[in-house]
């Protein structure tokens, strides 16, 4: 009887540990990127996989990110991640987007090095410095793409944007980051 109870307890603890691991909450872009990088295809690409684009949508506790990676081949590899850590992979042909011809992706930094640390906090601080009152617990949007410099096609520009609602939440401001630093602030709309 003790052996059966011991095995049952061990099995229950293992099942609980698996449940906790599977239902790990993903709270920000950095954590979501870590999940995306574990995707079998992306991980197999190793250092060749470079971050091409990101989009993130936050609506309270509902969060979703989509990461697009490029490894120099014919396809762009996409991984979408939700707040529960569930990831879905798909790929598509890269098409004729000029950035793939203008930049040597093999020279770009690793995906985790491209992130703007606490982009939402930095966007909020920038807006508050300009006299706005951003709302960070409602809908907000994050986007990123790498592009080439307009005058020097072989120079990469890492372009992040964070859109936060202000005032009554129907209006918004978009804060742009160029190569990690605040670059622009523009009007934006927040979709219902």
C-alpha atoms as a PDB file:
ATOM      1  CA  UNK A   1       0.000   0.000   0.000  1.00  0.00           C
ATOM      2  CA  UNK A   2       2.850   2.409   0.880  1.00  0.00           C
ATOM      3  CA  UNK A   3       4.484   1.687  -2.492  1.00  0.00           C
ATOM      4  CA  UNK A   4       1.255   2.497  -4.364  1.00  0.00           C
ATOM      5  CA  UNK A   5       0.727   5.725  -2.389  1.00  0.00           C
ATOM      6  CA  UNK A   6       4.387   6.689  -2.946  1.00  0.00           C
ATOM      7  CA  UNK A   7       4.110   6.141  -6.698  1.00  0.00           C
ATOM      8  CA  UNK A   8       0.802   8.037  -6.798  1.00  0.00           C
ATOM      9  CA  UNK A   9       2.350  10.981  -4.901  1.00  0.00           C
ATOM     10  CA  UNK A  10       5.392  11.019  -7.221  1.00  0.00           C
ATOM     11  CA  UNK A  11       3.136  10.869 -10.294  1.00  0.00           C
ATOM     12  CA  UNK A  12       0.946  13.677  -8.920  1.00  0.00           C
ATOM     13  CA  UNK A  13       3.978  15.899  -8.252  1.00  0.00           C
ATOM     14  CA  UNK A  14       5.332  15.223 -11.764  1.00  0.00           C
ATOM     15  CA  UNK A  15       1.937  16.007 -13.327  1.00  0.00           C
ATOM     16  CA  UNK A  16       1.691  19.225 -11.322  1.00  0.00           C
ATOM     17  CA  UNK A  17       5.197  20.256 -12.417  1.00  0.00           C
ATOM     18  CA  UNK A  18       4.270  19.613 -16.072  1.00  0.00           C
ATOM     19  CA  UNK A  19       1.071  21.641 -15.687  1.00  0.00           C
ATOM     20  CA  UNK A  20       2.986  24.550 -14.178  1.00  0.00           C
ATOM     21  CA  UNK A  21       5.607  24.398 -16.960  1.00  0.00           C
ATOM     22  CA  UNK A  22       2.980  24.315 -19.718  1.00  0.00           C
ATOM     23  CA  UNK A  23       0.919  27.167 -18.271  1.00  0.00           C
ATOM     24  CA  UNK A  24       3.833  29.558 -17.720  1.00  0.00           C
ATOM     25  CA  UNK A  25       2.611  33.120 -18.085  1.00  0.00           C
ATOM     26  CA  UNK A  26       4.334  35.229 -20.750  1.00  0.00           C
ATOM     27  CA  UNK A  27       4.279  38.888 -19.728  1.00  0.00           C
ATOM     28  CA  UNK A  28       6.447  40.821 -22.154  1.00  0.00           C
ATOM     29  CA  UNK A  29       8.231  40.809 -25.504  1.00  0.00           C
ATOM     30  CA  UNK A  30      11.470  39.445 -24.035  1.00  0.00           C
ATOM     31  CA  UNK A  31       9.708  36.408 -22.536  1.00  0.00           C
ATOM     32  CA  UNK A  32       7.705  35.857 -25.731  1.00  0.00           C
ATOM     33  CA  UNK A  33      10.895  36.011 -27.825  1.00  0.00           C
ATOM     34  CA  UNK A  34      12.452  33.355 -25.589  1.00  0.00           C
ATOM     35  CA  UNK A  35       9.469  31.080 -26.356  1.00  0.00           C
ATOM     36  CA  UNK A  36       9.698  31.825 -30.112  1.00  0.00           C
ATOM     37  CA  UNK A  37      13.428  31.059 -30.190  1.00  0.00           C
ATOM     38  CA  UNK A  38      12.701  27.576 -28.790  1.00  0.00           C
ATOM     39  CA  UNK A  39      10.616  26.696 -31.856  1.00  0.00           C
ATOM     40  CA  UNK A  40      12.167  23.667 -33.550  1.00  0.00           C
ATOM     41  CA  UNK A  41      12.737  25.339 -36.944  1.00  0.00           C
ATOM     42  CA  UNK A  42      13.958  28.638 -35.525  1.00  0.00           C
ATOM     43  CA  UNK A  43      16.271  26.909 -33.034  1.00  0.00           C
ATOM     44  CA  UNK A  44      17.682  24.688 -35.809  1.00  0.00           C
ATOM     45  CA  UNK A  45      18.616  27.848 -37.751  1.00  0.00           C
ATOM     46  CA  UNK A  46      20.908  28.880 -34.899  1.00  0.00           C
ATOM     47  CA  UNK A  47      22.887  32.068 -35.396  1.00  0.00           C
ATOM     48  CA  UNK A  48      21.610  32.419 -38.969  1.00  0.00           C
ATOM     49  CA  UNK A  49      18.090  33.275 -37.700  1.00  0.00           C
ATOM     50  CA  UNK A  50      17.797  37.043 -37.411  1.00  0.00           C
ATOM     51  CA  UNK A  51      14.797  39.030 -36.245  1.00  0.00           C
ATOM     52  CA  UNK A  52      13.080  40.683 -39.198  1.00  0.00           C
ATOM     53  CA  UNK A  53       9.813  41.931 -37.671  1.00  0.00           C
ATOM     54  CA  UNK A  54       7.688  41.827 -34.510  1.00  0.00           C
ATOM     55  CA  UNK A  55       4.127  42.812 -33.733  1.00  0.00           C
ATOM     56  CA  UNK A  56       2.586  42.697 -30.286  1.00  0.00           C
ATOM     57  CA  UNK A  57      -0.952  43.405 -29.132  1.00  0.00           C
ATOM     58  CA  UNK A  58      -1.831  43.870 -25.476  1.00  0.00           C
ATOM     59  CA  UNK A  59      -5.404  44.153 -24.260  1.00  0.00           C
ATOM     60  CA  UNK A  60      -5.264  43.932 -20.493  1.00  0.00           C
ATOM     61  CA  UNK A  61      -4.134  40.402 -19.669  1.00  0.00           C
ATOM     62  CA  UNK A  62      -4.660  39.179 -23.243  1.00  0.00           C
ATOM     63  CA  UNK A  63      -1.347  39.465 -25.034  1.00  0.00           C
ATOM     64  CA  UNK A  64      -0.118  38.143 -28.355  1.00  0.00           C
ATOM     65  CA  UNK A  65       3.137  38.525 -30.243  1.00  0.00           C
ATOM     66  CA  UNK A  66       4.214  37.545 -33.733  1.00  0.00           C
ATOM     67  CA  UNK A  67       7.927  37.217 -34.536  1.00  0.00           C
ATOM     68  CA  UNK A  68       9.344  36.933 -38.030  1.00  0.00           C
ATOM     69  CA  UNK A  69      12.843  35.577 -38.552  1.00  0.00           C
ATOM     70  CA  UNK A  70      14.981  35.426 -41.675  1.00  0.00           C
ATOM     71  CA  UNK A  71      17.914  33.068 -42.183  1.00  0.00           C
ATOM     72  CA  UNK A  72      19.100  34.163 -45.636  1.00  0.00           C
ATOM     73  CA  UNK A  73      17.006  31.574 -47.480  1.00  0.00           C
ATOM     74  CA  UNK A  74      13.808  31.769 -49.491  1.00  0.00           C
ATOM     75  CA  UNK A  75      11.406  31.944 -46.515  1.00  0.00           C
ATOM     76  CA  UNK A  76      10.491  34.169 -43.603  1.00  0.00           C
ATOM     77  CA  UNK A  77       9.829  32.063 -40.502  1.00  0.00           C
ATOM     78  CA  UNK A  78       7.025  33.258 -38.214  1.00  0.00           C
ATOM     79  CA  UNK A  79       6.196  32.230 -34.677  1.00  0.00           C
ATOM     80  CA  UNK A  80       3.156  33.604 -32.858  1.00  0.00           C
ATOM     81  CA  UNK A  81       3.113  33.411 -29.062  1.00  0.00           C
ATOM     82  CA  UNK A  82       0.219  34.076 -26.687  1.00  0.00           C
ATOM     83  CA  UNK A  83       0.246  35.061 -23.003  1.00  0.00           C
ATOM     84  CA  UNK A  84       0.045  31.396 -21.968  1.00  0.00           C
ATOM     85  CA  UNK A  85       3.242  30.566 -23.840  1.00  0.00           C
ATOM     86  CA  UNK A  86       1.495  28.685 -26.650  1.00  0.00           C
ATOM     87  CA  UNK A  87       3.472  29.057 -29.886  1.00  0.00           C
ATOM     88  CA  UNK A  88       2.456  28.457 -33.506  1.00  0.00           C
ATOM     89  CA  UNK A  89       4.926  28.314 -36.399  1.00  0.00           C
ATOM     90  CA  UNK A  90       4.389  29.031 -40.074  1.00  0.00           C
ATOM     91  CA  UNK A  91       6.554  30.180 -42.962  1.00  0.00           C
ATOM     92  CA  UNK A  92       6.041  32.081 -46.175  1.00  0.00           C
ATOM     93  CA  UNK A  93       8.170  33.061 -49.131  1.00  0.00           C
ATOM     94  CA  UNK A  94      10.173  36.196 -48.492  1.00  0.00           C
ATOM     95  CA  UNK A  95       8.887  37.766 -51.705  1.00  0.00           C
ATOM     96  CA  UNK A  96      10.476  40.853 -53.202  1.00  0.00           C
ATOM     97  CA  UNK A  97      10.803  43.038 -50.114  1.00  0.00           C
ATOM     98  CA  UNK A  98      13.891  45.198 -50.733  1.00  0.00           C
ATOM     99  CA  UNK A  99      15.330  44.864 -47.231  1.00  0.00           C
ATOM    100  CA  UNK A 100      16.384  41.296 -48.019  1.00  0.00           C
ATOM    101  CA  UNK A 101      18.551  42.611 -50.876  1.00  0.00           C
ATOM    102  CA  UNK A 102      19.696  45.798 -49.116  1.00  0.00           C
ATOM    103  CA  UNK A 103      20.995  44.234 -45.882  1.00  0.00           C
ATOM    104  CA  UNK A 104      23.382  41.416 -45.126  1.00  0.00           C
ATOM    105  CA  UNK A 105      21.286  39.645 -42.497  1.00  0.00           C
ATOM    106  CA  UNK A 106      24.252  37.512 -41.442  1.00  0.00           C
ATOM    107  CA  UNK A 107      25.827  40.662 -39.934  1.00  0.00           C
ATOM    108  CA  UNK A 108      22.790  41.623 -37.843  1.00  0.00           C
ATOM    109  CA  UNK A 109      22.895  41.105 -34.063  1.00  0.00           C
ATOM    110  CA  UNK A 110      21.194  38.164 -32.388  1.00  0.00           C
ATOM    111  CA  UNK A 111      17.410  38.583 -31.920  1.00  0.00           C
ATOM    112  CA  UNK A 112      17.665  39.159 -28.159  1.00  0.00           C
ATOM    113  CA  UNK A 113      20.199  41.977 -28.709  1.00  0.00           C
ATOM    114  CA  UNK A 114      17.738  43.879 -30.890  1.00  0.00           C
ATOM    115  CA  UNK A 115      15.127  44.285 -28.127  1.00  0.00           C
ATOM    116  CA  UNK A 116      14.613  47.684 -26.502  1.00  0.00           C
ATOM    117  CA  UNK A 117      14.654  46.829 -22.802  1.00  0.00           C
ATOM    118  CA  UNK A 118      11.375  47.985 -21.179  1.00  0.00           C
ATOM    119  CA  UNK A 119      10.148  49.706 -24.351  1.00  0.00           C
ATOM    120  CA  UNK A 120       6.696  50.274 -22.817  1.00  0.00           C
ATOM    121  CA  UNK A 121       8.162  51.964 -19.734  1.00  0.00           C
ATOM    122  CA  UNK A 122      10.454  54.122 -21.876  1.00  0.00           C
ATOM    123  CA  UNK A 123       7.555  55.105 -24.163  1.00  0.00           C
ATOM    124  CA  UNK A 124       5.448  56.021 -21.120  1.00  0.00           C
ATOM    125  CA  UNK A 125       8.282  58.129 -19.686  1.00  0.00           C
ATOM    126  CA  UNK A 126       8.763  59.939 -23.011  1.00  0.00           C
ATOM    127  CA  UNK A 127       5.049  60.745 -23.257  1.00  0.00           C
ATOM    128  CA  UNK A 128       4.849  61.923 -19.643  1.00  0.00           C
ATOM    129  CA  UNK A 129       7.832  64.215 -20.283  1.00  0.00           C
ATOM    130  CA  UNK A 130       5.791  65.801 -23.076  1.00  0.00           C
ATOM    131  CA  UNK A 131       2.787  66.306 -20.752  1.00  0.00           C
ATOM    132  CA  UNK A 132       0.639  63.364 -21.862  1.00  0.00           C
ATOM    133  CA  UNK A 133      -0.972  60.834 -19.527  1.00  0.00           C
ATOM    134  CA  UNK A 134      -0.498  57.417 -21.125  1.00  0.00           C
ATOM    135  CA  UNK A 135      -2.544  54.391 -20.097  1.00  0.00           C
ATOM    136  CA  UNK A 136      -0.416  51.255 -19.800  1.00  0.00           C
ATOM    137  CA  UNK A 137      -3.007  48.757 -18.559  1.00  0.00           C
ATOM    138  CA  UNK A 138      -5.318  48.964 -21.589  1.00  0.00           C
ATOM    139  CA  UNK A 139      -4.791  48.255 -25.264  1.00  0.00           C
ATOM    140  CA  UNK A 140      -1.342  48.908 -26.596  1.00  0.00           C
ATOM    141  CA  UNK A 141       0.690  47.901 -29.605  1.00  0.00           C
ATOM    142  CA  UNK A 142       4.337  47.117 -30.148  1.00  0.00           C
ATOM    143  CA  UNK A 143       5.996  46.758 -33.529  1.00  0.00           C
ATOM    144  CA  UNK A 144       9.481  46.310 -34.872  1.00  0.00           C
ATOM    145  CA  UNK A 145      11.112  45.880 -38.210  1.00  0.00           C
ATOM    146  CA  UNK A 146      14.627  46.107 -39.506  1.00  0.00           C
ATOM    147  CA  UNK A 147      15.135  48.321 -42.518  1.00  0.00           C
ATOM    148  CA  UNK A 148      18.079  49.780 -44.359  1.00  0.00           C
ATOM    149  CA  UNK A 149      19.216  53.362 -43.927  1.00  0.00           C
ATOM    150  CA  UNK A 150      17.771  55.525 -46.689  1.00  0.00           C
ATOM    151  CA  UNK A 151      21.100  56.839 -47.941  1.00  0.00           C
ATOM    152  CA  UNK A 152      23.258  53.834 -47.085  1.00  0.00           C
ATOM    153  CA  UNK A 153      21.420  50.698 -48.074  1.00  0.00           C
ATOM    154  CA  UNK A 154      23.829  48.380 -46.290  1.00  0.00           C
ATOM    155  CA  UNK A 155      23.345  50.059 -42.876  1.00  0.00           C
ATOM    156  CA  UNK A 156      20.614  48.489 -40.705  1.00  0.00           C
ATOM    157  CA  UNK A 157      18.057  50.532 -38.774  1.00  0.00           C
ATOM    158  CA  UNK A 158      16.249  48.782 -35.918  1.00  0.00           C
ATOM    159  CA  UNK A 159      12.872  50.514 -35.785  1.00  0.00           C
ATOM    160  CA  UNK A 160      10.637  49.884 -32.732  1.00  0.00           C
ATOM    161  CA  UNK A 161       7.278  51.563 -32.141  1.00  0.00           C
ATOM    162  CA  UNK A 162       5.084  51.491 -29.025  1.00  0.00           C
ATOM    163  CA  UNK A 163       1.537  52.854 -29.273  1.00  0.00           C
ATOM    164  CA  UNK A 164      -0.108  53.768 -25.973  1.00  0.00           C
ATOM    165  CA  UNK A 165      -3.617  55.149 -25.378  1.00  0.00           C
ATOM    166  CA  UNK A 166      -3.857  58.562 -23.755  1.00  0.00           C
ATOM    167  CA  UNK A 167      -6.704  60.512 -22.140  1.00  0.00           C
ATOM    168  CA  UNK A 168      -9.984  58.625 -22.545  1.00  0.00           C
ATOM    169  CA  UNK A 169      -8.237  55.711 -24.288  1.00  0.00           C
ATOM    170  CA  UNK A 170      -9.608  56.452 -27.771  1.00  0.00           C
ATOM    171  CA  UNK A 171      -6.650  58.551 -28.809  1.00  0.00           C
ATOM    172  CA  UNK A 172      -3.099  57.334 -28.794  1.00  0.00           C
ATOM    173  CA  UNK A 173       0.503  58.332 -29.211  1.00  0.00           C
ATOM    174  CA  UNK A 174       3.138  56.278 -30.941  1.00  0.00           C
ATOM    175  CA  UNK A 175       6.694  56.506 -29.640  1.00  0.00           C
ATOM    176  CA  UNK A 176       9.356  55.432 -32.123  1.00  0.00           C
ATOM    177  CA  UNK A 177      12.768  54.064 -31.164  1.00  0.00           C
ATOM    178  CA  UNK A 178      15.575  54.117 -33.717  1.00  0.00           C
ATOM    179  CA  UNK A 179      18.465  51.794 -32.855  1.00  0.00           C
ATOM    180  CA  UNK A 180      17.375  51.727 -29.214  1.00  0.00           C
ATOM    181  CA  UNK A 181      16.866  55.444 -28.575  1.00  0.00           C
ATOM    182  CA  UNK A 182      13.650  57.487 -28.601  1.00  0.00           C
ATOM    183  CA  UNK A 183      13.361  59.037 -32.057  1.00  0.00           C
ATOM    184  CA  UNK A 184       9.804  60.222 -32.771  1.00  0.00           C
ATOM    185  CA  UNK A 185       6.412  60.783 -31.144  1.00  0.00           C
ATOM    186  CA  UNK A 186       3.340  60.773 -33.389  1.00  0.00           C
ATOM    187  CA  UNK A 187      -0.436  60.760 -33.085  1.00  0.00           C
ATOM    188  CA  UNK A 188      -2.089  57.373 -33.423  1.00  0.00           C
ATOM    189  CA  UNK A 189      -5.496  55.771 -33.024  1.00  0.00           C
ATOM    190  CA  UNK A 190      -6.483  52.924 -30.758  1.00  0.00           C
ATOM    191  CA  UNK A 191      -8.807  50.417 -32.410  1.00  0.00           C
ATOM    192  CA  UNK A 192     -11.750  49.035 -30.421  1.00  0.00           C
END
